[in-house]
Amino acid sequence: MATNEEQGERWSGMGTGWSITSTMIGGIATIGALGYLIDRLLGLGHVFLPIGFIVGGGLGTYIIWLRYGRGEDGDT
């Protein structure tokens, strides 16, 4: 049977994985919703919705890079 310390080591990256996943989903959903709102307000078809999805994915990736992608001393 594994000790508590060994179980903790197995699951140590799980929180980081969920944080990255939720940041990506949140960025895409938030900026995509803003694009949808702009489309509705201007009476356009789905013009800004896909733009919002793409920009949201890019911003989510940038936030993840800021949080996890830099080295220990702040360098890339």
N, C-alpha and C. Protein backbone atom coordinates (compact mmCIF):
# COMPACT_ATOMS: atom_id res chain seq x y z
N MET A 1 0.84 -1.17 0.00
CA MET A 1 0.00 0.00 0.00
C MET A 1 0.89 1.24 0.00
N ALA A 2 0.54 2.21 -0.81
CA ALA A 2 1.34 3.43 -0.93
C ALA A 2 1.09 4.35 0.26
N THR A 3 2.16 5.00 0.68
CA THR A 3 2.01 5.95 1.77
C THR A 3 1.41 7.24 1.24
N ASN A 4 1.01 8.11 2.15
CA ASN A 4 0.41 9.39 1.76
C ASN A 4 1.38 10.24 0.96
N GLU A 5 2.66 10.19 1.31
CA GLU A 5 3.66 10.98 0.60
C GLU A 5 3.80 10.50 -0.85
N GLU A 6 3.80 9.17 -1.06
CA GLU A 6 3.90 8.63 -2.41
C GLU A 6 2.66 8.98 -3.23
N GLN A 7 1.49 8.93 -2.62
CA GLN A 7 0.27 9.31 -3.33
C GLN A 7 0.28 10.78 -3.69
N GLY A 8 0.80 11.62 -2.81
CA GLY A 8 0.89 13.05 -3.09
C GLY A 8 1.82 13.33 -4.25
N GLU A 9 2.91 12.57 -4.36
CA GLU A 9 3.84 12.75 -5.46
C GLU A 9 3.21 12.36 -6.79
N ARG A 10 2.38 11.34 -6.79
CA ARG A 10 1.72 10.91 -8.02
C ARG A 10 0.75 11.95 -8.54
N TRP A 11 0.11 12.65 -7.64
CA TRP A 11 -0.92 13.62 -8.02
C TRP A 11 -0.41 15.07 -7.98
N SER A 12 0.88 15.27 -7.89
CA SER A 12 1.42 16.62 -7.70
C SER A 12 1.15 17.53 -8.89
N GLY A 13 1.13 17.03 -10.10
CA GLY A 13 0.90 17.87 -11.27
C GLY A 13 -0.55 18.01 -11.66
N MET A 14 -1.44 17.35 -10.96
CA MET A 14 -2.86 17.38 -11.33
C MET A 14 -3.46 18.77 -11.19
N GLY A 15 -3.11 19.48 -10.14
CA GLY A 15 -3.62 20.84 -9.96
C GLY A 15 -3.15 21.78 -11.05
N THR A 16 -1.91 21.62 -11.46
CA THR A 16 -1.38 22.44 -12.54
C THR A 16 -2.10 22.15 -13.83
N GLY A 17 -2.35 20.90 -14.11
CA GLY A 17 -3.07 20.52 -15.33
C GLY A 17 -4.48 21.09 -15.37
N TRP A 18 -5.18 21.01 -14.26
CA TRP A 18 -6.53 21.56 -14.21
C TRP A 18 -6.52 23.08 -14.33
N SER A 19 -5.52 23.72 -13.76
CA SER A 19 -5.41 25.17 -13.86
C SER A 19 -5.17 25.60 -15.30
N ILE A 20 -4.30 24.90 -16.01
CA ILE A 20 -4.05 25.21 -17.41
C ILE A 20 -5.29 24.98 -18.25
N THR A 21 -5.97 23.86 -18.02
CA THR A 21 -7.19 23.56 -18.77
C THR A 21 -8.27 24.61 -18.55
N SER A 22 -8.49 24.99 -17.30
CA SER A 22 -9.54 25.97 -17.02
C SER A 22 -9.18 27.35 -17.54
N THR A 23 -7.89 27.69 -17.56
CA THR A 23 -7.48 28.98 -18.11
C THR A 23 -7.76 29.03 -19.61
N MET A 24 -7.47 27.95 -20.32
CA MET A 24 -7.73 27.91 -21.76
C MET A 24 -9.23 27.98 -22.05
N ILE A 25 -10.02 27.18 -21.35
CA ILE A 25 -11.46 27.18 -21.57
C ILE A 25 -12.05 28.54 -21.20
N GLY A 26 -11.60 29.12 -20.09
CA GLY A 26 -12.11 30.41 -19.68
C GLY A 26 -11.78 31.52 -20.66
N GLY A 27 -10.57 31.51 -21.20
CA GLY A 27 -10.18 32.52 -22.18
C GLY A 27 -11.00 32.42 -23.45
N ILE A 28 -11.14 31.20 -23.96
CA ILE A 28 -11.91 31.00 -25.19
C ILE A 28 -13.38 31.36 -24.98
N ALA A 29 -13.95 30.93 -23.86
CA ALA A 29 -15.36 31.21 -23.60
C ALA A 29 -15.63 32.69 -23.36
N THR A 30 -14.77 33.35 -22.62
CA THR A 30 -14.99 34.76 -22.29
C THR A 30 -14.87 35.65 -23.52
N ILE A 31 -13.77 35.53 -24.24
CA ILE A 31 -13.57 36.39 -25.41
C ILE A 31 -14.53 35.98 -26.53
N GLY A 32 -14.83 34.70 -26.63
CA GLY A 32 -15.83 34.25 -27.60
C GLY A 32 -17.21 34.82 -27.31
N ALA A 33 -17.56 34.90 -26.03
CA ALA A 33 -18.84 35.50 -25.65
C ALA A 33 -18.87 36.99 -25.98
N LEU A 34 -17.74 37.66 -25.80
CA LEU A 34 -17.68 39.07 -26.18
C LEU A 34 -17.86 39.23 -27.70
N GLY A 35 -17.26 38.35 -28.47
CA GLY A 35 -17.45 38.37 -29.91
C GLY A 35 -18.90 38.13 -30.30
N TYR A 36 -19.54 37.19 -29.63
CA TYR A 36 -20.96 36.92 -29.87
C TYR A 36 -21.81 38.15 -29.53
N LEU A 37 -21.50 38.81 -28.43
CA LEU A 37 -22.23 40.00 -28.02
C LEU A 37 -22.06 41.12 -29.04
N ILE A 38 -20.87 41.30 -29.55
CA ILE A 38 -20.64 42.31 -30.58
C ILE A 38 -21.44 41.98 -31.84
N ASP A 39 -21.45 40.70 -32.22
CA ASP A 39 -22.25 40.29 -33.38
C ASP A 39 -23.73 40.61 -33.19
N ARG A 40 -24.24 40.33 -32.00
CA ARG A 40 -25.66 40.59 -31.73
C ARG A 40 -25.97 42.08 -31.70
N LEU A 41 -25.08 42.87 -31.11
CA LEU A 41 -25.33 44.31 -31.02
C LEU A 41 -25.25 45.00 -32.38
N LEU A 42 -24.36 44.54 -33.23
CA LEU A 42 -24.20 45.16 -34.54
C LEU A 42 -25.09 44.52 -35.61
N GLY A 43 -25.77 43.45 -35.25
CA GLY A 43 -26.68 42.78 -36.19
C GLY A 43 -25.96 42.04 -37.30
N LEU A 44 -24.75 41.62 -37.05
CA LEU A 44 -23.97 40.88 -38.05
C LEU A 44 -24.22 39.39 -37.91
N GLY A 45 -23.75 38.66 -38.90
CA GLY A 45 -23.75 37.20 -38.77
C GLY A 45 -22.68 36.82 -37.77
N HIS A 46 -22.18 35.67 -37.88
CA HIS A 46 -21.13 35.21 -36.97
C HIS A 46 -19.76 35.64 -37.51
N VAL A 47 -19.47 36.91 -37.33
CA VAL A 47 -18.19 37.47 -37.79
C VAL A 47 -17.21 37.53 -36.62
N PHE A 48 -17.62 38.13 -35.52
CA PHE A 48 -16.72 38.32 -34.39
C PHE A 48 -16.65 37.11 -33.46
N LEU A 49 -17.59 36.19 -33.57
CA LEU A 49 -17.56 34.99 -32.72
C LEU A 49 -16.31 34.15 -32.97
N PRO A 50 -16.00 33.76 -34.22
CA PRO A 50 -14.76 33.00 -34.41
C PRO A 50 -13.51 33.81 -34.12
N ILE A 51 -13.56 35.11 -34.38
CA ILE A 51 -12.42 35.97 -34.04
C ILE A 51 -12.22 35.95 -32.52
N GLY A 52 -13.31 36.00 -31.77
CA GLY A 52 -13.22 35.94 -30.31
C GLY A 52 -12.66 34.62 -29.82
N PHE A 53 -13.04 33.52 -30.48
CA PHE A 53 -12.49 32.21 -30.09
C PHE A 53 -10.98 32.17 -30.31
N ILE A 54 -10.53 32.69 -31.45
CA ILE A 54 -9.10 32.66 -31.77
C ILE A 54 -8.32 33.58 -30.83
N VAL A 55 -8.83 34.79 -30.62
CA VAL A 55 -8.15 35.72 -29.72
C VAL A 55 -8.16 35.19 -28.29
N GLY A 56 -9.28 34.60 -27.86
CA GLY A 56 -9.35 34.02 -26.52
C GLY A 56 -8.37 32.88 -26.33
N GLY A 57 -8.21 32.04 -27.34
CA GLY A 57 -7.20 30.98 -27.25
C GLY A 57 -5.80 31.54 -27.16
N GLY A 58 -5.54 32.58 -27.93
CA GLY A 58 -4.22 33.22 -27.88
C GLY A 58 -3.95 33.86 -26.53
N LEU A 59 -4.94 34.56 -26.01
CA LEU A 59 -4.77 35.19 -24.69
C LEU A 59 -4.63 34.15 -23.58
N GLY A 60 -5.39 33.07 -23.68
CA GLY A 60 -5.25 31.99 -22.70
C GLY A 60 -3.86 31.38 -22.74
N THR A 61 -3.33 31.17 -23.94
CA THR A 61 -1.98 30.64 -24.08
C THR A 61 -0.95 31.60 -23.50
N TYR A 62 -1.14 32.89 -23.74
CA TYR A 62 -0.22 33.89 -23.21
C TYR A 62 -0.25 33.92 -21.68
N ILE A 63 -1.43 33.84 -21.09
CA ILE A 63 -1.54 33.83 -19.63
C ILE A 63 -0.87 32.58 -19.05
N ILE A 64 -1.05 31.44 -19.72
CA ILE A 64 -0.40 30.21 -19.25
C ILE A 64 1.11 30.34 -19.35
N TRP A 65 1.58 30.95 -20.44
CA TRP A 65 3.03 31.14 -20.57
C TRP A 65 3.56 32.06 -19.47
N LEU A 66 2.81 33.12 -19.16
CA LEU A 66 3.24 34.01 -18.09
C LEU A 66 3.30 33.29 -16.75
N ARG A 67 2.35 32.42 -16.51
CA ARG A 67 2.26 31.77 -15.21
C ARG A 67 3.22 30.58 -15.09
N TYR A 68 3.34 29.75 -16.15
CA TYR A 68 4.09 28.50 -16.03
C TYR A 68 5.27 28.38 -16.99
N GLY A 69 5.30 29.16 -18.05
CA GLY A 69 6.28 28.93 -19.09
C GLY A 69 7.63 29.57 -18.88
N ARG A 70 7.71 30.55 -18.02
CA ARG A 70 8.99 31.20 -17.78
C ARG A 70 9.85 30.36 -16.83
N GLY A 71 11.14 30.55 -16.92
CA GLY A 71 12.06 29.83 -16.05
C GLY A 71 11.99 30.31 -14.62
N GLU A 72 12.78 29.72 -13.80
CA GLU A 72 12.80 30.06 -12.38
C GLU A 72 13.26 31.51 -12.15
N ASP A 73 14.18 32.00 -12.98
CA ASP A 73 14.69 33.35 -12.79
C ASP A 73 13.96 34.38 -13.64
N GLY A 74 12.85 34.00 -14.27
CA GLY A 74 12.05 34.94 -15.06
C GLY A 74 12.41 34.97 -16.51
N ASP A 75 13.45 34.22 -16.91
CA ASP A 75 13.83 34.18 -18.32
C ASP A 75 12.99 33.15 -19.05
N THR A 76 12.95 33.26 -20.38
CA THR A 76 12.20 32.28 -21.17
C THR A 76 12.99 31.03 -21.38
